[in-house]
């Protein structure tokens, strides 16, 4: 009987993780929903390899209930798959980590065939309508997509790396079509591009007249985007997909000859677009080239060249038109008698449809520590000029700083965060000597203090080894501590993975979200099923966390959740990563 009860208990506690598709055979114009279901909470869910489909509509559902004292739990990740080609495709294995063990689903196949005709509801026959004879016979309706064109107009399909490309998305509607409403369902992500997006809202959207393929059309501009390609090669632009409500004639007319219409939901897409990006030429590339592309002016300007001990402000600036936010400014080299602090970076950059314009600058604070005349070596700045197709370089003049006297407290007003950090020993290098002295007589090793110390060392190490062994056994038997340490390692690993995935939106936010979850599990000793926002907030506050820091942590969690399904630039990802590191560091100190 005991063996039977143990077997039933093991069967009841068995972990299930499976993939459930809504259908395995669809048309090219249909969609299929796939759910990955588990009966026990897990972490680090990983999607399978999916080809032949476009992924969208991600959702997550969890059910945790108690009936007659028995707990029932289920959790599922749901995705909507839209086929991109016909054929039979294999959906690989998804994986999840449950109780420190990895479970995988069984692969399955989905067959995509020819398009399936969608039946339209017919208007019922009305015997009381004297003109019903005109409406009984089935009529052919107009194609809802006829006269609709969603177009991505690309200014340059063959740019250089870091050359601006503007993309304008327009919806063209013929004079014979009527669109009552529309909205975006899928937005491009612009991988491998630095992007600046201007979405046109309904308040400032206006209908204009134009031509498309030689015919007269009305059109509206949906969005404008400036792209800076970050690598060379054939780069792909994701399609923009728009859902529309179109008034379509039914083929029936009333007693006055006017056509009846009905509203039909349809979609339009720009399709995938490609930009062939040329690499910057290697011939003539300067050694100090840092990626600047455009047309610039470069200046190095001190606020004064004569000092009575007060600090000097040295400004290194670049102005003009080009990728101003995507390169670094050269750093000046100053003599040891001039103490230089980390710069204050300033930006005055606008990004219209034609590309970035404005200026950037680094302002250095220099504090003299000795009287004399000290030269600041010339600085060089190089960029690739698009107009001439060649590299250009501007070199500043040498700047001579004349220090008449020294104020011992000159650097006290400079923030510590701006002070330039010197390597150990660098601050005393000017008094270092090359003298190496050797004793004339050397003591024999045998019978020396070192000899007896090494002789007694093995005996002294025995208690240390015994104590270390006991600590190791206690360390290995600590299940809770082991789990916390494992979660700490996972948090650091996923935080490092998020840093590597900067620029790739979905992998970046997935890794960042896992890092935050594992950090909470390590610090609060809770499971994922207990990670409600209210519970997390109460636990953090009870451990002594600052309320402002807890609010910042909640904002990072919200950002990870929403940014995975909304457009996001590389700058926003960097800001989210920096905020996550700052909040985790603050919580480490406060808890």
Foldseek 3Di string as FASTA:
>chain_A
DVVVVVVVVCVVPDKDWAKDKPDQEEELQDKIKIKTKIFADFDDKFFFDDPQWDKDDWDKDWDWDADPNDIGIMIMIMIMTRGDDFAKTKGCWIWTADPNDIDIYHIDIHGYHHHDDDDDDADDQDPVAPPSVQRPDQDDWDDLCPQWAWAWDWPAQEEAAQAKIKIWIKIWGAPPWDWPDKDWDADKFQFQKFKDKAADDPVPWDWDWDDDPRHITIMITGMMMIIGGHDAAKDKIDKIKMKTWIWMFRSGADPVRHTHTDTDIDMYINPMDIGGYHYQDPPQDDPPAFEWAEDKDWDWDKPDQEAQQAKIKIKTKIFFFGDQVRGDTDDWDWDLQKFKWAWDKDFDWDQDSNGIGTMIMTIIIITGNAFDKIKTDKDKYKYQHPVVSHIDMDIYDIRIHGHPHHDPCNCVPPDPNGGDDDDPPPNVVVVDDPDDDDDPDDDDPVPDPVVVCVVCVVVVCVVVVVVVVVVVVVVVPPPLLVLLVVLQVLLVVLLVQLVVCQSPQQSNLSSNLSSLQSLLCNPQVDDPVQPDLVSSLVSLVVQQADNVLSVLSVVLNVCSVPSNRDHDGSVRSVVSSVSSVVSSVRSVVGD
